[in-house]
C-alpha atoms as a PDB file:
ATOM      1  CA  MET A   1    -165.010  96.337  15.598  1.00  0.00           C
ATOM      2  CA  SER A   2    -161.234  97.130  16.228  1.00  0.00           C
ATOM      3  CA  ARG A   3    -158.647  95.713  14.957  1.00  0.00           C
ATOM      4  CA  SER A   4    -156.313  92.984  17.125  1.00  0.00           C
ATOM      5  CA  THR A   5    -152.672  94.406  17.067  1.00  0.00           C
ATOM      6  CA  LEU A   6    -152.021  90.549  15.815  1.00  0.00           C
ATOM      7  CA  ASP A   7    -154.353  91.407  12.678  1.00  0.00           C
ATOM      8  CA  ASP A   8    -151.751  92.103  10.538  1.00  0.00           C
ATOM      9  CA  ALA A   9    -149.557  89.205  11.498  1.00  0.00           C
ATOM     10  CA  PHE A  10    -151.969  86.707  10.748  1.00  0.00           C
ATOM     11  CA  GLY A  11    -152.983  88.652   7.503  1.00  0.00           C
ATOM     12  CA  HIS A  12    -149.097  88.048   6.572  1.00  0.00           C
ATOM     13  CA  HIS A  13    -149.589  84.320   7.130  1.00  0.00           C
ATOM     14  CA  VAL A  14    -152.388  83.488   5.283  1.00  0.00           C
ATOM     15  CA  TRP A  15    -151.462  85.939   2.744  1.00  0.00           C
ATOM     16  CA  ALA A  16    -147.856  84.313   2.130  1.00  0.00           C
ATOM     17  CA  THR A  17    -149.496  80.813   2.153  1.00  0.00           C
ATOM     18  CA  LEU A  18    -151.865  81.744  -0.353  1.00  0.00           C
ATOM     19  CA  THR A  19    -149.222  83.310  -2.504  1.00  0.00           C
ATOM     20  CA  LEU A  20    -146.983  80.149  -1.745  1.00  0.00           C
ATOM     21  CA  ILE A  21    -149.809  77.842  -3.114  1.00  0.00           C
ATOM     22  CA  ASP A  22    -150.048  79.940  -6.268  1.00  0.00           C
ATOM     23  CA  THR A  23    -147.008  79.863  -6.928  1.00  0.00           C
ATOM     24  CA  CYS A  24    -146.772  75.738  -6.512  1.00  0.00           C
ATOM     25  CA  ARG A  25    -149.646  75.153  -8.281  1.00  0.00           C
ATOM     26  CA  SER A  26    -147.618  75.787 -11.680  1.00  0.00           C
ATOM     27  CA  LEU A  27    -145.288  72.924 -10.608  1.00  0.00           C
ATOM     28  CA  SER A  28    -145.854  69.353 -12.285  1.00  0.00           C
ATOM     29  CA  PRO A  29    -146.822  66.420  -9.620  1.00  0.00           C
ATOM     30  CA  GLU A  30    -143.375  65.382  -9.886  1.00  0.00           C
ATOM     31  CA  ARG A  31    -141.944  68.671  -8.739  1.00  0.00           C
ATOM     32  CA  LEU A  32    -144.411  68.744  -6.054  1.00  0.00           C
ATOM     33  CA  GLU A  33    -142.606  65.662  -4.668  1.00  0.00           C
ATOM     34  CA  THR A  34    -139.421  67.603  -4.572  1.00  0.00           C
ATOM     35  CA  SER A  35    -138.182  67.156  -1.098  1.00  0.00           C
ATOM     36  CA  VAL A  36    -134.963  68.557   0.433  1.00  0.00           C
ATOM     37  CA  PRO A  37    -132.981  67.334   3.389  1.00  0.00           C
ATOM     38  CA  GLY A  38    -133.228  69.043   6.787  1.00  0.00           C
ATOM     39  CA  THR A  39    -137.022  69.832   5.763  1.00  0.00           C
ATOM     40  CA  TYR A  40    -140.525  68.372   6.372  1.00  0.00           C
ATOM     41  CA  GLY A  41    -141.005  66.200   2.995  1.00  0.00           C
ATOM     42  CA  SER A  42    -142.139  67.070  -0.216  1.00  0.00           C
ATOM     43  CA  ILE A  43    -143.529  70.449  -1.442  1.00  0.00           C
ATOM     44  CA  LEU A  44    -146.819  68.810  -1.454  1.00  0.00           C
ATOM     45  CA  ASP A  45    -146.645  67.352   1.974  1.00  0.00           C
ATOM     46  CA  THR A  46    -145.270  70.263   3.650  1.00  0.00           C
ATOM     47  CA  MET A  47    -147.957  72.392   2.110  1.00  0.00           C
ATOM     48  CA  ARG A  48    -150.741  70.025   3.407  1.00  0.00           C
ATOM     49  CA  HIS A  49    -148.785  69.582   6.648  1.00  0.00           C
ATOM     50  CA  LEU A  50    -148.781  73.665   6.973  1.00  0.00           C
ATOM     51  CA  VAL A  51    -152.405  73.956   5.952  1.00  0.00           C
ATOM     52  CA  GLY A  52    -153.738  71.206   8.059  1.00  0.00           C
ATOM     53  CA  ALA A  53    -151.819  72.170  11.126  1.00  0.00           C
ATOM     54  CA  ASP A  54    -153.400  76.069  10.700  1.00  0.00           C
ATOM     55  CA  ALA A  55    -156.916  74.595  10.540  1.00  0.00           C
ATOM     56  CA  SER A  56    -156.004  72.240  13.885  1.00  0.00           C
ATOM     57  CA  TYR A  57    -154.568  75.706  15.376  1.00  0.00           C
ATOM     58  CA  LEU A  58    -157.625  77.493  14.574  1.00  0.00           C
ATOM     59  CA  PHE A  59    -159.935  74.667  15.598  1.00  0.00           C
ATOM     60  CA  VAL A  60    -158.236  74.819  19.215  1.00  0.00           C
ATOM     61  CA  THR A  61    -158.290  78.739  19.193  1.00  0.00           C
ATOM     62  CA  SER A  62    -161.898  79.567  18.128  1.00  0.00           C
ATOM     63  CA  GLY A  63    -163.372  76.895  20.790  1.00  0.00           C
ATOM     64  CA  GLY A  64    -163.952  74.489  18.047  1.00  0.00           C
ATOM     65  CA  LYS A  65    -166.170  77.020  15.687  1.00  0.00           C
ATOM     66  CA  THR A  66    -164.056  76.300  12.808  1.00  0.00           C
ATOM     67  CA  GLU A  67    -163.628  72.985  10.977  1.00  0.00           C
ATOM     68  CA  ARG A  68    -161.030  70.602  11.142  1.00  0.00           C
ATOM     69  CA  ILE A  69    -159.626  69.195   7.904  1.00  0.00           C
ATOM     70  CA  ASP A  70    -158.020  65.949   6.685  1.00  0.00           C
ATOM     71  CA  GLU A  71    -155.410  67.220   4.662  1.00  0.00           C
ATOM     72  CA  ARG A  72    -153.441  64.012   3.594  1.00  0.00           C
ATOM     73  CA  SER A  73    -154.946  63.706   0.244  1.00  0.00           C
ATOM     74  CA  MET A  74    -155.850  67.612  -0.251  1.00  0.00           C
ATOM     75  CA  ASP A  75    -154.470  68.875  -3.748  1.00  0.00           C
ATOM     76  CA  LEU A  76    -153.239  72.496  -3.650  1.00  0.00           C
ATOM     77  CA  ALA A  77    -156.713  73.887  -5.052  1.00  0.00           C
ATOM     78  CA  GLN A  78    -158.310  72.415  -1.982  1.00  0.00           C
ATOM     79  CA  LEU A  79    -155.598  73.793   0.129  1.00  0.00           C
ATOM     80  CA  ARG A  80    -155.890  77.439  -1.034  1.00  0.00           C
ATOM     81  CA  THR A  81    -159.744  77.083  -0.399  1.00  0.00           C
ATOM     82  CA  VAL A  82    -159.088  76.171   3.083  1.00  0.00           C
ATOM     83  CA  MET A  83    -156.576  79.271   3.368  1.00  0.00           C
ATOM     84  CA  GLU A  84    -158.849  81.639   2.021  1.00  0.00           C
ATOM     85  CA  ARG A  85    -161.578  80.646   4.878  1.00  0.00           C
ATOM     86  CA  HIS A  86    -158.917  81.412   7.140  1.00  0.00           C
ATOM     87  CA  ALA A  87    -158.752  84.901   6.154  1.00  0.00           C
ATOM     88  CA  GLU A  88    -161.641  85.550   7.781  1.00  0.00           C
ATOM     89  CA  ALA A  89    -161.233  82.982  10.167  1.00  0.00           C
ATOM     90  CA  TRP A  90    -158.090  84.136  12.062  1.00  0.00           C
ATOM     91  CA  PRO A  91    -159.564  87.911  12.890  1.00  0.00           C
ATOM     92  CA  SER A  92    -162.508  86.791  13.998  1.00  0.00           C
ATOM     93  CA  VAL A  93    -160.472  84.500  16.840  1.00  0.00           C
ATOM     94  CA  LEU A  94    -158.342  87.695  17.365  1.00  0.00           C
ATOM     95  CA  ALA A  95    -161.594  90.190  17.736  1.00  0.00           C
ATOM     96  CA  GLN A  96    -162.782  88.147  20.942  1.00  0.00           C
ATOM     97  CA  GLY A  97    -160.172  89.637  23.150  1.00  0.00           C
ATOM     98  CA  ARG A  98    -159.738  86.859  25.282  1.00  0.00           C
ATOM     99  CA  ASP A  99    -157.221  86.875  28.172  1.00  0.00           C
ATOM    100  CA  PRO A 100    -153.948  85.563  26.441  1.00  0.00           C
ATOM    101  CA  GLU A 101    -153.269  83.635  29.385  1.00  0.00           C
ATOM    102  CA  THR A 102    -156.418  81.583  28.846  1.00  0.00           C
ATOM    103  CA  VAL A 103    -155.121  77.933  28.688  1.00  0.00           C
ATOM    104  CA  LEU A 104    -156.586  75.903  25.716  1.00  0.00           C
ATOM    105  CA  VAL A 105    -156.552  72.427  25.545  1.00  0.00           C
ATOM    106  CA  ARG A 106    -155.961  70.548  22.463  1.00  0.00           C
ATOM    107  CA  HIS A 107    -157.144  66.824  22.651  1.00  0.00           C
ATOM    108  CA  ARG A 108    -155.375  64.541  19.866  1.00  0.00           C
ATOM    109  CA  ASP A 109    -156.679  61.454  18.314  1.00  0.00           C
ATOM    110  CA  ASP A 110    -154.508  59.132  20.195  1.00  0.00           C
ATOM    111  CA  GLY A 111    -155.707  60.345  23.462  1.00  0.00           C
ATOM    112  CA  SER A 112    -153.093  62.674  24.479  1.00  0.00           C
ATOM    113  CA  ALA A 113    -153.716  66.264  25.173  1.00  0.00           C
ATOM    114  CA  THR A 114    -151.736  69.577  25.118  1.00  0.00           C
ATOM    115  CA  HIS A 115    -152.518  72.207  27.527  1.00  0.00           C
ATOM    116  CA  ALA A 116    -151.074  75.764  26.670  1.00  0.00           C
ATOM    117  CA  PRO A 117    -152.008  79.376  26.548  1.00  0.00           C
ATOM    118  CA  LEU A 118    -153.651  81.501  23.867  1.00  0.00           C
ATOM    119  CA  SER A 119    -150.604  83.652  23.540  1.00  0.00           C
ATOM    120  CA  ILE A 120    -148.502  80.570  23.072  1.00  0.00           C
ATOM    121  CA  ARG A 121    -151.199  78.704  20.788  1.00  0.00           C
ATOM    122  CA  LEU A 122    -151.077  81.860  18.435  1.00  0.00           C
ATOM    123  CA  ALA A 123    -147.209  82.375  18.268  1.00  0.00           C
ATOM    124  CA  GLN A 124    -146.974  78.585  17.260  1.00  0.00           C
ATOM    125  CA  ALA A 125    -149.371  79.087  14.537  1.00  0.00           C
ATOM    126  CA  LEU A 126    -147.307  82.043  13.186  1.00  0.00           C
ATOM    127  CA  HIS A 127    -144.033  80.393  13.563  1.00  0.00           C
ATOM    128  CA  HIS A 128    -145.069  76.989  12.166  1.00  0.00           C
ATOM    129  CA  GLY A 129    -146.449  78.912   9.139  1.00  0.00           C
ATOM    130  CA  THR A 130    -143.000  80.795   8.605  1.00  0.00           C
ATOM    131  CA  ASP A 131    -140.904  77.655   9.121  1.00  0.00           C
ATOM    132  CA  HIS A 132    -142.670  75.601   6.532  1.00  0.00           C
ATOM    133  CA  ARG A 133    -143.050  78.205   4.026  1.00  0.00           C
ATOM    134  CA  SER A 134    -139.187  78.998   4.249  1.00  0.00           C
ATOM    135  CA  GLN A 135    -138.810  74.744   3.603  1.00  0.00           C
ATOM    136  CA  ILE A 136    -141.018  75.232   0.585  1.00  0.00           C
ATOM    137  CA  CYS A 137    -138.740  77.929  -0.642  1.00  0.00           C
ATOM    138  CA  THR A 138    -135.872  75.783  -0.262  1.00  0.00           C
ATOM    139  CA  ALA A 139    -137.166  73.191  -2.095  1.00  0.00           C
ATOM    140  CA  LEU A 140    -138.452  75.538  -4.811  1.00  0.00           C
ATOM    141  CA  THR A 141    -134.923  77.093  -5.193  1.00  0.00           C
ATOM    142  CA  THR A 142    -133.304  73.528  -5.592  1.00  0.00           C
ATOM    143  CA  LEU A 143    -135.669  73.387  -8.738  1.00  0.00           C
ATOM    144  CA  GLY A 144    -134.404  76.665  -9.865  1.00  0.00           C
ATOM    145  CA  ILE A 145    -137.496  78.299  -9.335  1.00  0.00           C
ATOM    146  CA  THR A 146    -137.094  81.984  -7.534  1.00  0.00           C
ATOM    147  CA  PRO A 147    -139.641  81.678  -4.917  1.00  0.00           C
ATOM    148  CA  PRO A 148    -142.110  84.676  -4.492  1.00  0.00           C
ATOM    149  CA  SER A 149    -141.233  87.645  -2.134  1.00  0.00           C
ATOM    150  CA  ILE A 150    -143.652  86.530   0.811  1.00  0.00           C
ATOM    151  CA  ASP A 151    -142.078  88.545   3.934  1.00  0.00           C
ATOM    152  CA  VAL A 152    -143.784  91.119   5.857  1.00  0.00           C
ATOM    153  CA  TRP A 153    -142.767  93.986   3.951  1.00  0.00           C
ATOM    154  CA  ASP A 154    -143.904  92.255   0.771  1.00  0.00           C
ATOM    155  CA  PHE A 155    -147.402  92.002   2.201  1.00  0.00           C
ATOM    156  CA  ALA A 156    -147.495  95.521   3.518  1.00  0.00           C
ATOM    157  CA  LYS A 157    -146.238  96.955   0.051  1.00  0.00           C
ATOM    158  CA  GLN A 158    -149.075  95.062  -1.598  1.00  0.00           C
ATOM    159  CA  ASP A 159    -151.224  96.446   0.820  1.00  0.00           C
ATOM    160  CA  GLY A 160    -150.353  99.586   0.298  1.00  0.00           C
ATOM    161  CA  ARG A 161    -148.953 100.474   3.828  1.00  0.00           C
ATOM    162  CA  LEU A 162    -145.512 100.526   3.314  1.00  0.00           C
ATOM    163  CA  ILE A 163    -144.016 103.350   1.883  1.00  0.00           C
ATOM    164  CA  GLU A 164    -140.508 103.505   1.038  1.00  0.00           C
ATOM    165  CA  ILE A 165    -138.542 107.184   0.552  1.00  0.00           C
ATOM    166  CA  PRO A 166    -135.340 106.657  -1.536  1.00  0.00           C
ATOM    167  CA  PRO A 167    -132.356 109.018  -0.426  1.00  0.00           C
ATOM    168  CA  SER A 168    -132.219 112.155  -1.649  1.00  0.00           C
END
């Protein structure tokens, strides 16, 4: 199977989320309730939202082949398990090679719907994850905790696909 040009983008997305979940697993329940003005909510609620939305994006882009979740009461271990499954699901969606302009419809529980091209939905999944991971990192910083290094360069380094040559 050939790789999609977006495999690394989604590989990073899943890896960064898993890395951040692992960092947050060491926090006490009180610290997981830390919230910072201007962000989604508490660390735990933001992580639930991030993973839950990712499951929803996958459900729509896979044509319903992945599971929807009810993340509202999930703990970090459960959220991690979901994201581990996404590590295999995203490449499968990307490998389908569908036309990026294919309009996909998301039906909400309240009866509303959104119509958007596959390419926009994929871009939103990546943006959404980055935005909320950043918010969680901000909350960690307010607790005096150095957030993990989770940018794309860090992903490439840990995977052995970035080589830095120092000046001579």
